[in-house]
N, C-alpha and C. Protein backbone atom coordinates (compact mmCIF):
# COMPACT_ATOMS: atom_id res chain seq x y z
N MET A 1 14.13 5.85 -0.22
CA MET A 1 13.15 6.70 -0.86
C MET A 1 13.73 8.08 -1.09
N SER A 2 13.24 8.73 -2.08
CA SER A 2 13.72 10.07 -2.38
C SER A 2 13.05 11.09 -1.47
N SER A 3 13.52 12.34 -1.55
CA SER A 3 12.90 13.37 -0.73
C SER A 3 11.45 13.59 -1.15
N PHE A 4 11.13 13.38 -2.43
CA PHE A 4 9.73 13.48 -2.87
C PHE A 4 8.89 12.48 -2.09
N ASP A 5 9.38 11.25 -1.95
CA ASP A 5 8.66 10.21 -1.23
C ASP A 5 8.44 10.60 0.22
N ASP A 6 9.43 11.18 0.83
CA ASP A 6 9.39 11.49 2.25
C ASP A 6 8.52 12.69 2.60
N ASN A 7 8.25 13.56 1.65
CA ASN A 7 7.60 14.82 1.95
C ASN A 7 6.13 14.89 1.55
N HIS A 8 5.50 13.77 1.30
CA HIS A 8 4.10 13.79 0.89
C HIS A 8 3.25 12.93 1.80
N GLU A 9 2.17 13.52 2.27
CA GLU A 9 1.23 12.80 3.12
C GLU A 9 0.32 11.95 2.25
N ILE A 10 0.01 10.78 2.74
CA ILE A 10 -0.89 9.87 2.04
C ILE A 10 -2.28 10.03 2.66
N SER A 11 -3.27 10.37 1.84
CA SER A 11 -4.63 10.55 2.34
C SER A 11 -5.24 9.20 2.70
N ASP A 12 -6.31 9.25 3.48
CA ASP A 12 -7.03 8.03 3.83
C ASP A 12 -7.53 7.33 2.57
N GLN A 13 -8.04 8.11 1.62
CA GLN A 13 -8.55 7.54 0.38
C GLN A 13 -7.43 6.84 -0.40
N MET A 14 -6.27 7.47 -0.49
CA MET A 14 -5.13 6.87 -1.19
C MET A 14 -4.69 5.60 -0.46
N LEU A 15 -4.67 5.67 0.85
CA LEU A 15 -4.30 4.51 1.66
C LEU A 15 -5.23 3.33 1.38
N GLU A 16 -6.52 3.59 1.37
CA GLU A 16 -7.48 2.53 1.09
C GLU A 16 -7.27 1.95 -0.30
N ARG A 17 -6.98 2.80 -1.27
CA ARG A 17 -6.78 2.34 -2.64
C ARG A 17 -5.53 1.48 -2.77
N VAL A 18 -4.43 1.91 -2.17
CA VAL A 18 -3.19 1.16 -2.30
C VAL A 18 -3.30 -0.19 -1.58
N ILE A 19 -4.01 -0.23 -0.46
CA ILE A 19 -4.22 -1.50 0.23
C ILE A 19 -5.13 -2.40 -0.61
N ALA A 20 -6.13 -1.83 -1.24
CA ALA A 20 -7.00 -2.62 -2.12
C ALA A 20 -6.18 -3.23 -3.26
N TRP A 21 -5.25 -2.47 -3.82
CA TRP A 21 -4.39 -3.01 -4.87
C TRP A 21 -3.54 -4.15 -4.32
N ALA A 22 -2.99 -3.99 -3.14
CA ALA A 22 -2.16 -5.03 -2.55
C ALA A 22 -2.95 -6.32 -2.35
N VAL A 23 -4.18 -6.19 -1.88
CA VAL A 23 -5.03 -7.36 -1.68
C VAL A 23 -5.37 -7.99 -3.03
N ALA A 24 -5.74 -7.16 -4.01
CA ALA A 24 -6.10 -7.68 -5.33
C ALA A 24 -4.93 -8.39 -6.00
N LEU A 25 -3.75 -7.83 -5.88
CA LEU A 25 -2.58 -8.42 -6.52
C LEU A 25 -2.09 -9.65 -5.78
N GLY A 26 -2.34 -9.70 -4.48
CA GLY A 26 -1.91 -10.84 -3.69
C GLY A 26 -2.90 -11.99 -3.70
N ALA A 27 -4.10 -11.73 -4.16
CA ALA A 27 -5.13 -12.77 -4.18
C ALA A 27 -4.80 -13.82 -5.22
N GLU A 28 -5.22 -15.03 -4.91
CA GLU A 28 -5.04 -16.09 -5.91
C GLU A 28 -5.82 -15.70 -7.16
N GLY A 29 -5.22 -15.91 -8.29
CA GLY A 29 -5.90 -15.64 -9.55
C GLY A 29 -5.82 -14.21 -10.04
N ALA A 30 -4.93 -13.38 -9.48
CA ALA A 30 -4.76 -12.03 -10.02
C ALA A 30 -4.29 -12.19 -11.46
N ASP A 31 -5.10 -11.75 -12.38
CA ASP A 31 -4.81 -12.00 -13.79
C ASP A 31 -4.03 -10.86 -14.43
N ASP A 32 -3.69 -11.05 -15.69
CA ASP A 32 -2.92 -10.04 -16.43
C ASP A 32 -3.66 -8.71 -16.49
N CYS A 33 -4.97 -8.76 -16.60
CA CYS A 33 -5.77 -7.54 -16.68
C CYS A 33 -5.63 -6.73 -15.38
N THR A 34 -5.69 -7.41 -14.24
CA THR A 34 -5.55 -6.75 -12.95
C THR A 34 -4.16 -6.15 -12.81
N ARG A 35 -3.15 -6.91 -13.17
CA ARG A 35 -1.77 -6.40 -13.08
C ARG A 35 -1.56 -5.21 -14.00
N HIS A 36 -2.14 -5.27 -15.19
CA HIS A 36 -2.02 -4.16 -16.14
C HIS A 36 -2.73 -2.91 -15.60
N ALA A 37 -3.92 -3.10 -15.04
CA ALA A 37 -4.66 -1.96 -14.47
C ALA A 37 -3.86 -1.33 -13.33
N PHE A 38 -3.22 -2.17 -12.53
CA PHE A 38 -2.39 -1.65 -11.44
C PHE A 38 -1.22 -0.83 -11.99
N GLU A 39 -0.55 -1.32 -13.01
CA GLU A 39 0.56 -0.58 -13.62
C GLU A 39 0.10 0.78 -14.15
N LEU A 40 -1.07 0.80 -14.77
CA LEU A 40 -1.62 2.07 -15.26
C LEU A 40 -1.91 3.02 -14.09
N TRP A 41 -2.45 2.48 -13.01
CA TRP A 41 -2.73 3.29 -11.82
C TRP A 41 -1.43 3.88 -11.26
N LEU A 42 -0.39 3.06 -11.17
CA LEU A 42 0.90 3.55 -10.68
C LEU A 42 1.41 4.72 -11.51
N GLN A 43 1.18 4.68 -12.80
CA GLN A 43 1.70 5.70 -13.70
C GLN A 43 0.85 6.97 -13.75
N GLU A 44 -0.36 6.92 -13.20
CA GLU A 44 -1.26 8.08 -13.25
C GLU A 44 -0.67 9.32 -12.58
N GLN A 45 -0.01 9.12 -11.45
CA GLN A 45 0.60 10.25 -10.74
C GLN A 45 1.69 9.73 -9.81
N PRO A 46 2.70 10.53 -9.58
CA PRO A 46 3.83 10.09 -8.75
C PRO A 46 3.44 9.67 -7.34
N LEU A 47 2.41 10.29 -6.78
CA LEU A 47 2.00 9.95 -5.43
C LEU A 47 1.50 8.51 -5.32
N HIS A 48 0.97 7.95 -6.39
CA HIS A 48 0.56 6.55 -6.37
C HIS A 48 1.77 5.65 -6.11
N ARG A 49 2.85 5.92 -6.78
CA ARG A 49 4.06 5.12 -6.59
C ARG A 49 4.63 5.33 -5.18
N VAL A 50 4.56 6.56 -4.68
CA VAL A 50 5.02 6.84 -3.31
C VAL A 50 4.22 5.99 -2.33
N ALA A 51 2.91 6.00 -2.46
CA ALA A 51 2.05 5.22 -1.56
C ALA A 51 2.37 3.73 -1.67
N TRP A 52 2.56 3.24 -2.88
CA TRP A 52 2.87 1.83 -3.09
C TRP A 52 4.23 1.48 -2.45
N ASN A 53 5.22 2.32 -2.64
CA ASN A 53 6.54 2.06 -2.06
C ASN A 53 6.48 2.04 -0.53
N ARG A 54 5.72 2.95 0.05
CA ARG A 54 5.59 2.97 1.51
C ARG A 54 4.89 1.71 2.00
N LEU A 55 3.89 1.27 1.27
CA LEU A 55 3.19 0.04 1.65
C LEU A 55 4.14 -1.15 1.60
N GLN A 56 5.01 -1.20 0.62
CA GLN A 56 5.96 -2.30 0.52
C GLN A 56 6.89 -2.34 1.73
N VAL A 57 7.31 -1.18 2.20
CA VAL A 57 8.16 -1.11 3.39
C VAL A 57 7.40 -1.66 4.60
N VAL A 58 6.17 -1.24 4.76
CA VAL A 58 5.36 -1.69 5.89
C VAL A 58 5.11 -3.20 5.79
N GLU A 59 4.82 -3.69 4.60
CA GLU A 59 4.59 -5.13 4.43
C GLU A 59 5.82 -5.94 4.83
N ARG A 60 6.99 -5.45 4.48
CA ARG A 60 8.21 -6.16 4.88
C ARG A 60 8.35 -6.17 6.40
N GLU A 61 7.98 -5.06 7.04
CA GLU A 61 8.06 -4.98 8.50
C GLU A 61 7.10 -5.96 9.17
N PHE A 62 5.92 -6.13 8.58
CA PHE A 62 4.92 -7.02 9.16
C PHE A 62 5.17 -8.49 8.82
N GLY A 63 5.98 -8.74 7.82
CA GLY A 63 6.32 -10.12 7.46
C GLY A 63 5.11 -10.99 7.20
N GLY A 64 4.98 -12.07 7.93
CA GLY A 64 3.94 -13.07 7.70
C GLY A 64 2.65 -12.82 8.44
N LEU A 65 2.35 -11.59 8.83
CA LEU A 65 1.13 -11.32 9.58
C LEU A 65 -0.12 -11.78 8.84
N ALA A 66 -0.15 -11.62 7.53
CA ALA A 66 -1.34 -12.00 6.76
C ALA A 66 -1.66 -13.48 6.91
N THR A 67 -0.65 -14.32 6.88
CA THR A 67 -0.92 -15.75 6.99
C THR A 67 -1.24 -16.15 8.42
N ARG A 68 -0.70 -15.46 9.40
CA ARG A 68 -0.96 -15.81 10.80
C ARG A 68 -2.34 -15.34 11.27
N ARG A 69 -2.80 -14.20 10.76
CA ARG A 69 -4.05 -13.63 11.30
C ARG A 69 -5.17 -13.56 10.29
N GLY A 70 -4.92 -13.80 9.03
CA GLY A 70 -5.96 -13.70 8.02
C GLY A 70 -5.96 -12.34 7.35
N LYS A 71 -6.45 -12.28 6.12
CA LYS A 71 -6.39 -11.05 5.32
C LYS A 71 -7.16 -9.89 5.94
N SER A 72 -8.34 -10.13 6.48
CA SER A 72 -9.12 -9.01 6.98
C SER A 72 -8.46 -8.38 8.20
N ALA A 73 -7.93 -9.18 9.10
CA ALA A 73 -7.21 -8.63 10.25
C ALA A 73 -5.96 -7.92 9.78
N TRP A 74 -5.27 -8.52 8.82
CA TRP A 74 -4.06 -7.92 8.27
C TRP A 74 -4.36 -6.57 7.64
N THR A 75 -5.39 -6.49 6.85
CA THR A 75 -5.73 -5.23 6.17
C THR A 75 -6.07 -4.15 7.18
N SER A 76 -6.85 -4.47 8.19
CA SER A 76 -7.21 -3.49 9.21
C SER A 76 -5.98 -3.02 9.98
N THR A 77 -5.17 -3.95 10.44
CA THR A 77 -3.96 -3.61 11.19
C THR A 77 -3.01 -2.81 10.34
N LEU A 78 -2.79 -3.27 9.13
CA LEU A 78 -1.87 -2.61 8.22
C LEU A 78 -2.32 -1.19 7.89
N SER A 79 -3.60 -1.00 7.64
CA SER A 79 -4.07 0.33 7.26
C SER A 79 -3.87 1.32 8.41
N HIS A 80 -4.16 0.91 9.65
CA HIS A 80 -3.96 1.81 10.78
C HIS A 80 -2.48 2.13 10.99
N TYR A 81 -1.65 1.12 10.91
CA TYR A 81 -0.21 1.31 11.09
C TYR A 81 0.36 2.18 9.97
N PHE A 82 -0.01 1.87 8.74
CA PHE A 82 0.49 2.58 7.57
C PHE A 82 0.12 4.06 7.63
N LEU A 83 -1.11 4.35 7.98
CA LEU A 83 -1.55 5.74 8.07
C LEU A 83 -0.76 6.48 9.13
N ARG A 84 -0.57 5.87 10.29
CA ARG A 84 0.18 6.49 11.37
C ARG A 84 1.63 6.76 10.98
N VAL A 85 2.28 5.78 10.36
CA VAL A 85 3.67 5.92 9.97
C VAL A 85 3.84 6.98 8.87
N CYS A 86 3.02 6.89 7.86
CA CYS A 86 3.16 7.82 6.73
C CYS A 86 2.88 9.25 7.12
N ASN A 87 1.86 9.46 7.91
CA ASN A 87 1.50 10.82 8.28
C ASN A 87 2.47 11.38 9.32
N ALA A 88 3.07 10.55 10.14
CA ALA A 88 4.07 11.02 11.10
C ALA A 88 5.30 11.52 10.39
N ARG A 89 5.63 10.91 9.28
CA ARG A 89 6.81 11.34 8.50
C ARG A 89 6.66 12.74 7.97
N SER A 90 5.44 13.08 7.58
CA SER A 90 5.25 14.38 6.95
C SER A 90 4.95 15.49 7.98
N ALA A 91 4.81 15.10 9.23
CA ALA A 91 4.51 16.10 10.29
C ALA A 91 5.74 16.92 10.64
């Protein structure tokens, strides 16, 4: 990640939005319209891409947690972990 990525705190609201996108895109039947809306959201502001990139790192760290524990447990665990990691970086 670039220094821009490393120096910005992700708000709770942004965190919730990026996780919602991850769930929507990972759900069965995510259609072209959903993927297009996500691409537009990413382009709205650089911080959206920063949040998405950080989420991808965390998802790789958690690996198969979603399939082992279910989406709702995964989302809750991931959001708490993601917020802690992202905000610790900017402290």
